C-alpha atoms as a PDB file:
ATOM      1  CA  MET A   1      18.361 -13.444   7.409  1.00  0.00           C
ATOM      2  CA  THR A   2      15.610 -12.017   5.212  1.00  0.00           C
ATOM      3  CA  GLY A   3      14.890 -11.043   1.659  1.00  0.00           C
ATOM      4  CA  LEU A   4      13.441  -7.715   2.725  1.00  0.00           C
ATOM      5  CA  PRO A   5      15.425  -4.662   1.542  1.00  0.00           C
ATOM      6  CA  THR A   6      17.286  -2.053   3.549  1.00  0.00           C
ATOM      7  CA  LEU A   7      15.695   1.388   3.532  1.00  0.00           C
ATOM      8  CA  VAL A   8      18.055   4.369   3.573  1.00  0.00           C
ATOM      9  CA  MET A   9      16.561   7.789   4.318  1.00  0.00           C
ATOM     10  CA  GLY A  10      18.342  11.032   3.590  1.00  0.00           C
ATOM     11  CA  GLU A  11      19.804  13.550   1.216  1.00  0.00           C
ATOM     12  CA  ALA A  12      21.111  12.923  -2.272  1.00  0.00           C
ATOM     13  CA  LEU A  13      23.083  15.796  -3.747  1.00  0.00           C
ATOM     14  CA  VAL A  14      25.866  16.782  -6.100  1.00  0.00           C
ATOM     15  CA  ASP A  15      29.380  17.294  -4.750  1.00  0.00           C
ATOM     16  CA  VAL A  16      30.957  20.070  -6.828  1.00  0.00           C
ATOM     17  CA  LEU A  17      34.687  19.383  -6.734  1.00  0.00           C
ATOM     18  CA  THR A  18      37.388  21.645  -8.098  1.00  0.00           C
ATOM     19  CA  GLY A  19      39.870  19.963 -10.438  1.00  0.00           C
ATOM     20  CA  ASP A  20      43.615  20.528 -10.687  1.00  0.00           C
ATOM     21  CA  GLN A  21      43.107  23.247 -13.319  1.00  0.00           C
ATOM     22  CA  GLY A  22      40.291  24.982 -11.407  1.00  0.00           C
ATOM     23  CA  GLU A  23      37.515  23.313 -13.393  1.00  0.00           C
ATOM     24  CA  LEU A  24      34.320  22.280 -11.580  1.00  0.00           C
ATOM     25  CA  ARG A  25      33.531  18.559 -11.514  1.00  0.00           C
ATOM     26  CA  PRO A  26      29.968  17.716 -10.433  1.00  0.00           C
ATOM     27  CA  THR A  27      29.874  14.301  -8.745  1.00  0.00           C
ATOM     28  CA  PRO A  28      26.800  12.609  -7.190  1.00  0.00           C
ATOM     29  CA  GLY A  29      27.000  12.357  -3.412  1.00  0.00           C
ATOM     30  CA  GLY A  30      25.225  12.936  -0.111  1.00  0.00           C
ATOM     31  CA  SER A  31      26.010  10.711   2.872  1.00  0.00           C
ATOM     32  CA  PRO A  32      22.809   8.587   2.912  1.00  0.00           C
ATOM     33  CA  ALA A  33      22.839   8.283  -0.882  1.00  0.00           C
ATOM     34  CA  ASN A  34      26.472   7.124  -0.713  1.00  0.00           C
ATOM     35  CA  VAL A  35      25.532   4.471   1.855  1.00  0.00           C
ATOM     36  CA  ALA A  36      22.664   3.268  -0.337  1.00  0.00           C
ATOM     37  CA  LEU A  37      24.994   3.081  -3.338  1.00  0.00           C
ATOM     38  CA  GLY A  38      27.595   1.177  -1.312  1.00  0.00           C
ATOM     39  CA  LEU A  39      25.020  -1.379  -0.187  1.00  0.00           C
ATOM     40  CA  ALA A  40      23.727  -1.858  -3.738  1.00  0.00           C
ATOM     41  CA  ARG A  41      27.259  -2.393  -5.080  1.00  0.00           C
ATOM     42  CA  LEU A  42      27.772  -5.046  -2.407  1.00  0.00           C
ATOM     43  CA  GLY A  43      24.677  -6.857  -3.625  1.00  0.00           C
ATOM     44  CA  ARG A  44      22.177  -5.722  -0.992  1.00  0.00           C
ATOM     45  CA  PRO A  45      18.584  -4.906  -2.029  1.00  0.00           C
ATOM     46  CA  VAL A  46      18.189  -1.252  -1.054  1.00  0.00           C
ATOM     47  CA  ARG A  47      15.599   1.519  -1.298  1.00  0.00           C
ATOM     48  CA  LEU A  48      16.425   5.214  -0.912  1.00  0.00           C
ATOM     49  CA  ALA A  49      13.891   7.726   0.398  1.00  0.00           C
ATOM     50  CA  THR A  50      15.254  11.078  -0.756  1.00  0.00           C
ATOM     51  CA  ARG A  51      14.538  14.120  -2.913  1.00  0.00           C
ATOM     52  CA  THR A  52      16.144  15.459  -6.071  1.00  0.00           C
ATOM     53  CA  GLY A  53      15.247  18.313  -8.373  1.00  0.00           C
ATOM     54  CA  ASP A  54      13.778  18.090 -11.845  1.00  0.00           C
ATOM     55  CA  ASP A  55      17.006  19.464 -13.294  1.00  0.00           C
ATOM     56  CA  THR A  56      20.321  18.389 -14.808  1.00  0.00           C
ATOM     57  CA  TYR A  57      21.965  17.690 -11.453  1.00  0.00           C
ATOM     58  CA  GLY A  58      18.915  15.699 -10.353  1.00  0.00           C
ATOM     59  CA  ALA A  59      19.080  13.530 -13.467  1.00  0.00           C
ATOM     60  CA  LEU A  60      22.800  12.976 -12.810  1.00  0.00           C
ATOM     61  CA  VAL A  61      22.106  11.791  -9.252  1.00  0.00           C
ATOM     62  CA  ARG A  62      19.178   9.545 -10.167  1.00  0.00           C
ATOM     63  CA  ASP A  63      21.078   7.865 -12.993  1.00  0.00           C
ATOM     64  CA  HIS A  64      24.135   7.367 -10.786  1.00  0.00           C
ATOM     65  CA  LEU A  65      22.094   5.603  -8.096  1.00  0.00           C
ATOM     66  CA  THR A  66      19.710   3.535 -10.174  1.00  0.00           C
ATOM     67  CA  ARG A  67      22.448   2.343 -12.558  1.00  0.00           C
ATOM     68  CA  ASP A  68      23.965   0.346  -9.684  1.00  0.00           C
ATOM     69  CA  GLY A  69      20.671  -1.018  -8.390  1.00  0.00           C
ATOM     70  CA  VAL A  70      19.389   1.533  -5.859  1.00  0.00           C
ATOM     71  CA  LEU A  71      15.594   1.792  -6.083  1.00  0.00           C
ATOM     72  CA  LEU A  72      14.231   5.262  -5.338  1.00  0.00           C
ATOM     73  CA  VAL A  73      11.095   5.440  -3.211  1.00  0.00           C
ATOM     74  CA  ASP A  74       8.186   7.112  -5.047  1.00  0.00           C
ATOM     75  CA  GLY A  75       8.157  10.912  -5.030  1.00  0.00           C
ATOM     76  CA  ALA A  76      11.932  11.419  -5.205  1.00  0.00           C
ATOM     77  CA  THR A  77      11.733  14.283  -7.737  1.00  0.00           C
ATOM     78  CA  ASP A  78      10.228  17.721  -7.059  1.00  0.00           C
ATOM     79  CA  ALA A  79      10.390  21.316  -8.291  1.00  0.00           C
ATOM     80  CA  ASN A  80      13.144  22.491  -5.936  1.00  0.00           C
ATOM     81  CA  PRO A  81      16.743  22.563  -7.217  1.00  0.00           C
ATOM     82  CA  THR A  82      18.908  19.541  -6.537  1.00  0.00           C
ATOM     83  CA  ALA A  83      21.044  20.079  -3.455  1.00  0.00           C
ATOM     84  CA  THR A  84      24.757  20.788  -3.897  1.00  0.00           C
ATOM     85  CA  ALA A  85      27.872  20.661  -1.757  1.00  0.00           C
ATOM     86  CA  THR A  86      30.900  22.607  -2.941  1.00  0.00           C
ATOM     87  CA  VAL A  87      33.966  20.640  -1.868  1.00  0.00           C
ATOM     88  CA  THR A  88      37.413  22.029  -1.118  1.00  0.00           C
ATOM     89  CA  PHE A  89      40.325  19.891   0.047  1.00  0.00           C
ATOM     90  CA  ARG A  90      42.775  20.427   2.876  1.00  0.00           C
ATOM     91  CA  GLN A  91      46.438  19.471   2.472  1.00  0.00           C
ATOM     92  CA  ASN A  92      45.881  16.045   4.093  1.00  0.00           C
ATOM     93  CA  GLY A  93      43.175  15.151   1.555  1.00  0.00           C
ATOM     94  CA  SER A  94      40.262  15.689   3.931  1.00  0.00           C
ATOM     95  CA  ALA A  95      37.283  17.595   2.563  1.00  0.00           C
ATOM     96  CA  ARG A  96      35.393  20.753   3.546  1.00  0.00           C
ATOM     97  CA  TYR A  97      31.786  21.188   2.347  1.00  0.00           C
ATOM     98  CA  ASP A  98      29.635  24.246   1.668  1.00  0.00           C
ATOM     99  CA  PHE A  99      25.994  23.256   1.174  1.00  0.00           C
ATOM    100  CA  ALA A 100      23.017  24.648  -0.728  1.00  0.00           C
ATOM    101  CA  LEU A 101      19.975  22.490  -0.137  1.00  0.00           C
ATOM    102  CA  HIS A 102      16.325  22.170   0.806  1.00  0.00           C
ATOM    103  CA  TRP A 103      15.499  19.005   2.759  1.00  0.00           C
ATOM    104  CA  GLN A 104      11.946  17.678   2.866  1.00  0.00           C
ATOM    105  CA  LEU A 105      10.408  14.403   1.716  1.00  0.00           C
ATOM    106  CA  SER A 106       7.399  14.612  -0.574  1.00  0.00           C
ATOM    107  CA  THR A 107       3.932  13.465   0.486  1.00  0.00           C
ATOM    108  CA  ALA A 108       4.238  10.652  -2.043  1.00  0.00           C
ATOM    109  CA  THR A 109       7.490   9.461  -0.443  1.00  0.00           C
ATOM    110  CA  THR A 110       6.170   9.449   3.119  1.00  0.00           C
ATOM    111  CA  ALA A 111       3.031   7.621   1.970  1.00  0.00           C
ATOM    112  CA  ALA A 112       5.159   4.998   0.203  1.00  0.00           C
ATOM    113  CA  LEU A 113       7.004   4.151   3.439  1.00  0.00           C
ATOM    114  CA  HIS A 114       3.946   2.179   4.638  1.00  0.00           C
ATOM    115  CA  GLY A 115       4.226   3.077   8.303  1.00  0.00           C
ATOM    116  CA  GLY A 116       7.546   1.341   8.858  1.00  0.00           C
ATOM    117  CA  THR A 117       6.833  -2.043   7.256  1.00  0.00           C
ATOM    118  CA  GLY A 118       8.320  -3.695   4.198  1.00  0.00           C
ATOM    119  CA  TYR A 119      12.033  -3.525   4.979  1.00  0.00           C
ATOM    120  CA  ALA A 120      14.479  -5.340   7.249  1.00  0.00           C
ATOM    121  CA  HIS A 121      16.652  -2.417   8.293  1.00  0.00           C
ATOM    122  CA  LEU A 122      16.500   1.390   8.233  1.00  0.00           C
ATOM    123  CA  HIS A 123      19.603   3.564   8.007  1.00  0.00           C
ATOM    124  CA  THR A 124      19.683   7.345   8.266  1.00  0.00           C
ATOM    125  CA  GLY A 125      21.907  10.220   9.294  1.00  0.00           C
ATOM    126  CA  SER A 126      23.718  13.403   8.306  1.00  0.00           C
ATOM    127  CA  LEU A 127      21.763  16.470   7.159  1.00  0.00           C
ATOM    128  CA  ALA A 128      18.520  14.510   6.782  1.00  0.00           C
ATOM    129  CA  THR A 129      18.328  14.157  10.550  1.00  0.00           C
ATOM    130  CA  ALA A 130      19.347  17.744  11.291  1.00  0.00           C
ATOM    131  CA  LEU A 131      17.591  20.135   8.923  1.00  0.00           C
ATOM    132  CA  ALA A 132      13.930  21.177   9.182  1.00  0.00           C
ATOM    133  CA  PRO A 133      11.389  20.389   7.962  1.00  0.00           C
ATOM    134  CA  GLY A 134      12.611  16.986   6.783  1.00  0.00           C
ATOM    135  CA  ALA A 135      14.342  16.008  10.031  1.00  0.00           C
ATOM    136  CA  ALA A 136      10.975  15.605  11.766  1.00  0.00           C
ATOM    137  CA  GLN A 137       9.830  13.292   8.959  1.00  0.00           C
ATOM    138  CA  VAL A 138      12.919  11.137   9.392  1.00  0.00           C
ATOM    139  CA  LEU A 139      12.509  10.933  13.174  1.00  0.00           C
ATOM    140  CA  ALA A 140       8.870   9.876  12.747  1.00  0.00           C
ATOM    141  CA  ALA A 141       9.915   7.207  10.234  1.00  0.00           C
ATOM    142  CA  VAL A 142      12.558   5.830  12.592  1.00  0.00           C
ATOM    143  CA  ARG A 143      10.029   5.562  15.415  1.00  0.00           C
ATOM    144  CA  ALA A 144       7.556   3.827  13.100  1.00  0.00           C
ATOM    145  CA  ALA A 145      10.215   1.389  11.875  1.00  0.00           C
ATOM    146  CA  ARG A 146      11.532   0.194  15.241  1.00  0.00           C
ATOM    147  CA  PRO A 147       8.810  -2.430  15.895  1.00  0.00           C
ATOM    148  CA  TRP A 148       9.557  -3.996  12.498  1.00  0.00           C
ATOM    149  CA  ALA A 149      13.217  -3.385  11.655  1.00  0.00           C
ATOM    150  CA  THR A 150      16.641  -2.664  13.079  1.00  0.00           C
ATOM    151  CA  VAL A 151      17.915   0.924  12.870  1.00  0.00           C
ATOM    152  CA  SER A 152      21.342   2.465  12.269  1.00  0.00           C
ATOM    153  CA  TYR A 153      22.387   6.092  12.545  1.00  0.00           C
ATOM    154  CA  ASP A 154      25.438   8.130  11.515  1.00  0.00           C
ATOM    155  CA  PRO A 155      25.292  11.738  12.778  1.00  0.00           C
ATOM    156  CA  ASN A 156      27.883  12.878  10.182  1.00  0.00           C
ATOM    157  CA  LEU A 157      27.633  16.389  11.572  1.00  0.00           C
ATOM    158  CA  ARG A 158      28.097  19.516   9.454  1.00  0.00           C
ATOM    159  CA  PRO A 159      28.761  22.258  12.038  1.00  0.00           C
ATOM    160  CA  THR A 160      28.541  25.094   9.489  1.00  0.00           C
ATOM    161  CA  LEU A 161      24.825  24.290   9.079  1.00  0.00           C
ATOM    162  CA  LEU A 162      24.085  23.603  12.735  1.00  0.00           C
ATOM    163  CA  ASP A 163      23.615  25.470  15.973  1.00  0.00           C
ATOM    164  CA  GLY A 164      26.086  24.926  18.800  1.00  0.00           C
ATOM    165  CA  PRO A 165      26.804  21.519  20.386  1.00  0.00           C
ATOM    166  CA  GLU A 166      24.557  22.228  23.359  1.00  0.00           C
ATOM    167  CA  VAL A 167      21.616  22.797  20.986  1.00  0.00           C
ATOM    168  CA  GLU A 168      22.312  19.815  18.713  1.00  0.00           C
ATOM    169  CA  ARG A 169      23.120  17.303  21.461  1.00  0.00           C
ATOM    170  CA  PRO A 170      19.502  16.462  22.461  1.00  0.00           C
ATOM    171  CA  ARG A 171      18.503  15.925  18.828  1.00  0.00           C
ATOM    172  CA  VAL A 172      21.431  13.603  18.184  1.00  0.00           C
ATOM    173  CA  GLU A 173      20.933  11.709  21.436  1.00  0.00           C
ATOM    174  CA  ALA A 174      17.246  11.112  20.661  1.00  0.00           C
ATOM    175  CA  LEU A 175      18.281   9.245  17.503  1.00  0.00           C
ATOM    176  CA  VAL A 176      21.097   7.423  19.283  1.00  0.00           C
ATOM    177  CA  ASP A 177      18.548   6.125  21.785  1.00  0.00           C
ATOM    178  CA  LEU A 178      16.414   4.704  18.949  1.00  0.00           C
ATOM    179  CA  ALA A 179      19.268   3.016  17.081  1.00  0.00           C
ATOM    180  CA  ASP A 180      20.637  -0.522  17.307  1.00  0.00           C
ATOM    181  CA  LEU A 181      23.892   0.535  15.622  1.00  0.00           C
ATOM    182  CA  VAL A 182      25.566   3.950  15.597  1.00  0.00           C
ATOM    183  CA  LYS A 183      28.662   4.982  13.674  1.00  0.00           C
ATOM    184  CA  ALA A 184      30.255   8.342  14.424  1.00  0.00           C
ATOM    185  CA  SER A 185      33.563   9.953  13.533  1.00  0.00           C
ATOM    186  CA  GLU A 186      36.035  11.214  16.100  1.00  0.00           C
ATOM    187  CA  GLU A 187      35.529  14.682  14.602  1.00  0.00           C
ATOM    188  CA  ASP A 188      31.760  14.445  15.182  1.00  0.00           C
ATOM    189  CA  LEU A 189      32.040  13.481  18.837  1.00  0.00           C
ATOM    190  CA  ASP A 190      34.856  15.898  19.654  1.00  0.00           C
ATOM    191  CA  TRP A 191      32.603  18.699  18.348  1.00  0.00           C
ATOM    192  CA  LEU A 192      29.488  17.436  20.098  1.00  0.00           C
ATOM    193  CA  TYR A 193      31.192  16.746  23.459  1.00  0.00           C
ATOM    194  CA  PRO A 194      34.197  19.091  23.657  1.00  0.00           C
ATOM    195  CA  ASP A 195      34.687  18.467  27.385  1.00  0.00           C
ATOM    196  CA  LEU A 196      34.290  14.696  27.225  1.00  0.00           C
ATOM    197  CA  GLY A 197      36.302  13.433  24.276  1.00  0.00           C
ATOM    198  CA  ALA A 198      35.251  11.149  21.467  1.00  0.00           C
ATOM    199  CA  ALA A 199      36.113   7.776  22.983  1.00  0.00           C
ATOM    200  CA  ARG A 200      34.360   8.501  26.275  1.00  0.00           C
ATOM    201  CA  ALA A 201      31.315   9.843  24.419  1.00  0.00           C
ATOM    202  CA  ALA A 202      31.104   6.720  22.234  1.00  0.00           C
ATOM    203  CA  ALA A 203      31.399   4.465  25.279  1.00  0.00           C
ATOM    204  CA  ASP A 204      28.630   6.445  26.997  1.00  0.00           C
ATOM    205  CA  TRP A 205      26.405   6.094  23.920  1.00  0.00           C
ATOM    206  CA  ALA A 206      26.814   2.317  24.127  1.00  0.00           C
ATOM    207  CA  GLN A 207      25.110   2.507  27.532  1.00  0.00           C
ATOM    208  CA  ARG A 208      22.117   4.476  26.223  1.00  0.00           C
ATOM    209  CA  GLY A 209      20.393   1.968  23.945  1.00  0.00           C
ATOM    210  CA  PRO A 210      22.472   0.954  20.897  1.00  0.00           C
ATOM    211  CA  SER A 211      23.961  -2.517  21.070  1.00  0.00           C
ATOM    212  CA  LEU A 212      26.987  -1.326  19.114  1.00  0.00           C
ATOM    213  CA  VAL A 213      28.629   2.093  18.685  1.00  0.00           C
ATOM    214  CA  VAL A 214      31.527   2.376  16.235  1.00  0.00           C
ATOM    215  CA  LEU A 215      33.917   5.315  16.464  1.00  0.00           C
ATOM    216  CA  THR A 216      35.932   5.960  13.300  1.00  0.00           C
ATOM    217  CA  ARG A 217      39.309   7.693  13.616  1.00  0.00           C
ATOM    218  CA  GLY A 218      40.561   8.051  10.055  1.00  0.00           C
ATOM    219  CA  ASP A 219      43.978   6.502   9.521  1.00  0.00           C
ATOM    220  CA  ALA A 220      44.020   5.489  13.209  1.00  0.00           C
ATOM    221  CA  GLY A 221      41.317   2.894  12.542  1.00  0.00           C
ATOM    222  CA  ALA A 222      38.043   2.390  14.375  1.00  0.00           C
ATOM    223  CA  THR A 223      36.833   1.233  17.774  1.00  0.00           C
ATOM    224  CA  ALA A 224      33.589  -0.628  18.421  1.00  0.00           C
ATOM    225  CA  PHE A 225      31.967  -0.141  21.814  1.00  0.00           C
ATOM    226  CA  TRP A 226      29.217  -2.225  23.375  1.00  0.00           C
ATOM    227  CA  PRO A 227      27.831  -2.047  26.915  1.00  0.00           C
ATOM    228  CA  HIS A 228      30.524  -4.311  28.364  1.00  0.00           C
ATOM    229  CA  GLY A 229      33.603  -3.860  26.214  1.00  0.00           C
ATOM    230  CA  SER A 230      35.361  -2.546  23.102  1.00  0.00           C
ATOM    231  CA  TYR A 231      37.298  -3.791  20.098  1.00  0.00           C
ATOM    232  CA  GLU A 232      39.755  -1.958  17.825  1.00  0.00           C
ATOM    233  CA  VAL A 233      40.243  -2.508  14.116  1.00  0.00           C
ATOM    234  CA  PRO A 234      43.187  -0.896  12.294  1.00  0.00           C
ATOM    235  CA  ALA A 235      42.791   1.165   9.170  1.00  0.00           C
ATOM    236  CA  VAL A 236      43.841  -0.497   5.923  1.00  0.00           C
ATOM    237  CA  PRO A 237      46.941   1.206   4.480  1.00  0.00           C
ATOM    238  CA  VAL A 238      46.116   3.025   1.262  1.00  0.00           C
ATOM    239  CA  ASP A 239      47.603   5.655  -1.024  1.00  0.00           C
ATOM    240  CA  VAL A 240      44.968   8.341  -0.464  1.00  0.00           C
ATOM    241  CA  ALA A 241      43.401  10.179  -3.391  1.00  0.00           C
ATOM    242  CA  ASP A 242      40.893  11.934  -1.121  1.00  0.00           C
ATOM    243  CA  THR A 243      38.585  11.035   1.760  1.00  0.00           C
ATOM    244  CA  VAL A 244      35.243  11.953   0.146  1.00  0.00           C
ATOM    245  CA  GLY A 245      32.705   9.243   0.958  1.00  0.00           C
ATOM    246  CA  ALA A 246      35.126   7.125   3.008  1.00  0.00           C
ATOM    247  CA  GLY A 247      32.954   7.188   6.136  1.00  0.00           C
ATOM    248  CA  ASP A 248      29.900   6.288   4.076  1.00  0.00           C
ATOM    249  CA  ALA A 249      31.738   3.352   2.482  1.00  0.00           C
ATOM    250  CA  PHE A 250      32.728   2.219   5.981  1.00  0.00           C
ATOM    251  CA  MET A 251      29.058   2.423   6.975  1.00  0.00           C
ATOM    252  CA  SER A 252      27.806   0.418   4.003  1.00  0.00           C
ATOM    253  CA  GLY A 253      30.506  -2.220   4.521  1.00  0.00           C
ATOM    254  CA  LEU A 254      29.638  -2.491   8.207  1.00  0.00           C
ATOM    255  CA  LEU A 255      25.915  -2.792   7.486  1.00  0.00           C
ATOM    256  CA  HIS A 256      26.564  -5.390   4.805  1.00  0.00           C
ATOM    257  CA  GLY A 257      28.695  -7.467   7.151  1.00  0.00           C
ATOM    258  CA  LEU A 258      26.267  -7.307  10.079  1.00  0.00           C
ATOM    259  CA  LEU A 259      23.237  -8.042   7.886  1.00  0.00           C
ATOM    260  CA  ALA A 260      25.036 -11.044   6.360  1.00  0.00           C
ATOM    261  CA  ALA A 261      25.897 -12.281   9.855  1.00  0.00           C
ATOM    262  CA  GLY A 262      22.282 -12.032  11.023  1.00  0.00           C
ATOM    263  CA  LEU A 263      23.182  -9.325  13.554  1.00  0.00           C
ATOM    264  CA  LEU A 264      20.860  -6.790  11.933  1.00  0.00           C
ATOM    265  CA  GLY A 265      17.506  -7.086  10.175  1.00  0.00           C
ATOM    266  CA  GLY A 266      13.850  -7.854  10.764  1.00  0.00           C
ATOM    267  CA  ASP A 267      11.676 -10.451   9.067  1.00  0.00           C
ATOM    268  CA  GLY A 268       8.407  -8.525   8.784  1.00  0.00           C
ATOM    269  CA  THR A 269       7.035  -9.603  12.157  1.00  0.00           C
ATOM    270  CA  ARG A 270       5.979  -6.779  14.472  1.00  0.00           C
ATOM    271  CA  ASP A 271       7.800  -6.562  17.818  1.00  0.00           C
ATOM    272  CA  GLN A 272       9.954  -9.581  16.966  1.00  0.00           C
ATOM    273  CA  VAL A 273      13.099  -8.326  15.210  1.00  0.00           C
ATOM    274  CA  PRO A 274      15.575 -11.225  14.964  1.00  0.00           C
ATOM    275  CA  GLY A 275      18.603  -9.070  14.146  1.00  0.00           C
ATOM    276  CA  ARG A 276      18.015  -6.871  17.185  1.00  0.00           C
ATOM    277  CA  ALA A 277      17.773  -9.891  19.461  1.00  0.00           C
ATOM    278  CA  ALA A 278      20.905 -11.427  17.923  1.00  0.00           C
ATOM    279  CA  LEU A 279      22.998  -8.258  18.264  1.00  0.00           C
ATOM    280  CA  ARG A 280      21.866  -7.772  21.859  1.00  0.00           C
ATOM    281  CA  ALA A 281      22.769 -11.357  22.657  1.00  0.00           C
ATOM    282  CA  ALA A 282      26.183 -11.000  20.990  1.00  0.00           C
ATOM    283  CA  THR A 283      27.029  -7.884  23.027  1.00  0.00           C
ATOM    284  CA  ARG A 284      25.801  -9.154  26.379  1.00  0.00           C
ATOM    285  CA  SER A 285      29.258  -9.815  27.870  1.00  0.00           C
ATOM    286  CA  ALA A 286      32.792  -8.407  27.817  1.00  0.00           C
ATOM    287  CA  GLN A 287      33.819 -11.023  25.251  1.00  0.00           C
ATOM    288  CA  THR A 288      34.322  -9.678  21.726  1.00  0.00           C
ATOM    289  CA  PRO A 289      31.017 -10.280  19.915  1.00  0.00           C
ATOM    290  CA  ASP A 290      31.177 -13.149  17.454  1.00  0.00           C
ATOM    291  CA  ARG A 291      31.200 -12.020  13.772  1.00  0.00           C
ATOM    292  CA  VAL A 292      31.508  -8.311  14.627  1.00  0.00           C
ATOM    293  CA  PRO A 293      35.289  -8.161  13.934  1.00  0.00           C
ATOM    294  CA  THR A 294      34.727  -9.568  10.430  1.00  0.00           C
ATOM    295  CA  ALA A 295      32.138  -6.884   9.696  1.00  0.00           C
ATOM    296  CA  LEU A 296      34.498  -4.200  10.997  1.00  0.00           C
ATOM    297  CA  ARG A 297      37.379  -5.418   8.832  1.00  0.00           C
ATOM    298  CA  LEU A 298      35.074  -5.450   5.822  1.00  0.00           C
ATOM    299  CA  ALA A 299      34.059  -1.861   6.630  1.00  0.00           C
ATOM    300  CA  ALA A 300      37.695  -0.745   6.957  1.00  0.00           C
ATOM    301  CA  LEU A 301      38.514  -2.354   3.622  1.00  0.00           C
ATOM    302  CA  ALA A 302      35.582  -0.630   1.896  1.00  0.00           C
ATOM    303  CA  ALA A 303      36.677   2.732   3.296  1.00  0.00           C
ATOM    304  CA  ALA A 304      40.249   2.211   2.135  1.00  0.00           C
ATOM    305  CA  VAL A 305      39.179   1.395  -1.423  1.00  0.00           C
ATOM    306  CA  THR A 306      37.137   4.605  -1.499  1.00  0.00           C
ATOM    307  CA  CYS A 307      40.057   6.667  -0.180  1.00  0.00           C
ATOM    308  CA  GLY A 308      42.229   5.264  -2.943  1.00  0.00           C
ATOM    309  CA  ARG A 309      40.231   6.904  -5.739  1.00  0.00           C
ATOM    310  CA  PRO A 310      38.667  10.328  -6.207  1.00  0.00           C
ATOM    311  CA  GLY A 311      35.178  11.118  -4.975  1.00  0.00           C
ATOM    312  CA  ALA A 312      32.534   8.982  -3.280  1.00  0.00           C
ATOM    313  CA  ASP A 313      33.102   5.793  -5.281  1.00  0.00           C
ATOM    314  CA  PRO A 314      32.464   2.784  -2.994  1.00  0.00           C
ATOM    315  CA  PRO A 315      33.682  -0.693  -3.927  1.00  0.00           C
ATOM    316  CA  THR A 316      31.735  -3.535  -5.463  1.00  0.00           C
ATOM    317  CA  ALA A 317      31.437  -6.979  -3.926  1.00  0.00           C
ATOM    318  CA  ALA A 318      33.860  -8.312  -6.535  1.00  0.00           C
ATOM    319  CA  GLU A 319      36.488  -5.716  -5.596  1.00  0.00           C
ATOM    320  CA  LEU A 320      36.273  -6.516  -1.900  1.00  0.00           C
ATOM    321  CA  ARG A 321      36.313 -10.235  -2.578  1.00  0.00           C
ATOM    322  CA  SER A 322      39.479  -9.790  -4.637  1.00  0.00           C
ATOM    323  CA  LEU A 323      41.154  -7.798  -1.879  1.00  0.00           C
ATOM    324  CA  ALA A 324      40.147 -10.388   0.719  1.00  0.00           C
ATOM    325  CA  GLU A 325      42.044 -13.091  -1.192  1.00  0.00           C
ATOM    326  CA  PRO A 326      45.531 -13.915   0.165  1.00  0.00           C
ATOM    327  CA  ASP A 327      47.065 -12.830  -3.141  1.00  0.00           C
ATOM    328  CA  GLY A 328      44.707  -9.896  -3.658  1.00  0.00           C
ATOM    329  CA  ARG A 329      45.886  -6.593  -5.094  1.00  0.00           C
ATOM    330  CA  ARG A 330      47.413  -3.991  -2.800  1.00  0.00           C
ATOM    331  CA  LEU A 331      45.900  -0.652  -1.873  1.00  0.00           C
ATOM    332  CA  ALA A 332      49.185   0.902  -0.834  1.00  0.00           C
ATOM    333  CA  ARG A 333      52.822   0.319  -1.631  1.00  0.00           C
ATOM    334  CA  ASN A 334      54.361  -2.312   0.677  1.00  0.00           C
ATOM    335  CA  ALA A 335      51.020  -3.037   2.371  1.00  0.00           C
ATOM    336  CA  THR A 336      48.340  -5.672   2.031  1.00  0.00           C
ATOM    337  CA  ALA A 337      44.701  -5.854   3.046  1.00  0.00           C
ATOM    338  CA  PRO A 338      43.842  -7.520   6.387  1.00  0.00           C
ATOM    339  CA  PRO A 339      42.320 -11.011   6.311  1.00  0.00           C
ATOM    340  CA  VAL A 340      38.557 -10.975   5.774  1.00  0.00           C
ATOM    341  CA  SER A 341      36.407 -14.100   5.681  1.00  0.00           C
ATOM    342  CA  TRP A 342      34.159 -13.386   2.738  1.00  0.00           C
ATOM    343  CA  GLU A 343      31.776 -16.157   3.824  1.00  0.00           C
ATOM    344  CA  ASP A 344      30.485 -13.793   6.520  1.00  0.00           C
ATOM    345  CA  GLY A 345      30.240 -10.797   4.205  1.00  0.00           C
ATOM    346  CA  ARG A 346      28.967 -12.015   0.873  1.00  0.00           C
END
């Protein structure tokens, strides 16, 4: 739809994983940074507004992102240590995180955002939207962007760093109300709405303002909700290495597919955001929105590739294109990838 880039706002950090022999393996990560990396590997022009430290971990993160084409917004390096997340794995391969981080954008970064102009779409989520003082900066940026660009949000909640659900709910819902697209995990919504359930909560969110709310359910697949209906996409079978970054790969694949379909994105004109109008029009009835299933299948495929290898390592466009071919390689024994029309997700 437009040559303008996607802006991703949020934390970049180092996941410190423990190897089979007890050795520590520092790996670049952070949910928003992973989404930015995934978009860049799929060929999307992307900018990342974040912060890293002037230290060894910071250099590792910056090199990891820029090597694949992510452009860092000015002011991404400061004197504070680079954030870390120590990762331990449960028996099913899912990850638990213990964080050490300071989250705040520099004055140079906020100035470089130009009051919301200069990009087609803004994505944010996770700790960047939850932790003071930076969360207020992100909320202000989202509000400034809405007249110019579409907005997506992934709560990606980390309960160990948060207050209780009743305290966090208004903050999360304020961002949901500002978003065109929301992705949330079943785990997120079960924690946030313990008396409601994830599916009901996602359906309710689709009535609040977003045109599309996507609930991810791990190996049970994902469900997209819009104001008048829902659509389920199965997970792609995969031999799981671990699940680090899988939700972020799903997010980048979904964004890529919807941007390619013209269902997200602005063109630089204030108060006339073509992608917002197109997504609203597509979700106006109970009929499954045209081109949304393709984007969802692309997202599921991206997540599966990431699950099939260690760490947050999202796929490239070439890898997804290969898997979308009828004779493409398999991600799991005795299983093949679902059909994906690459013409809608190039």
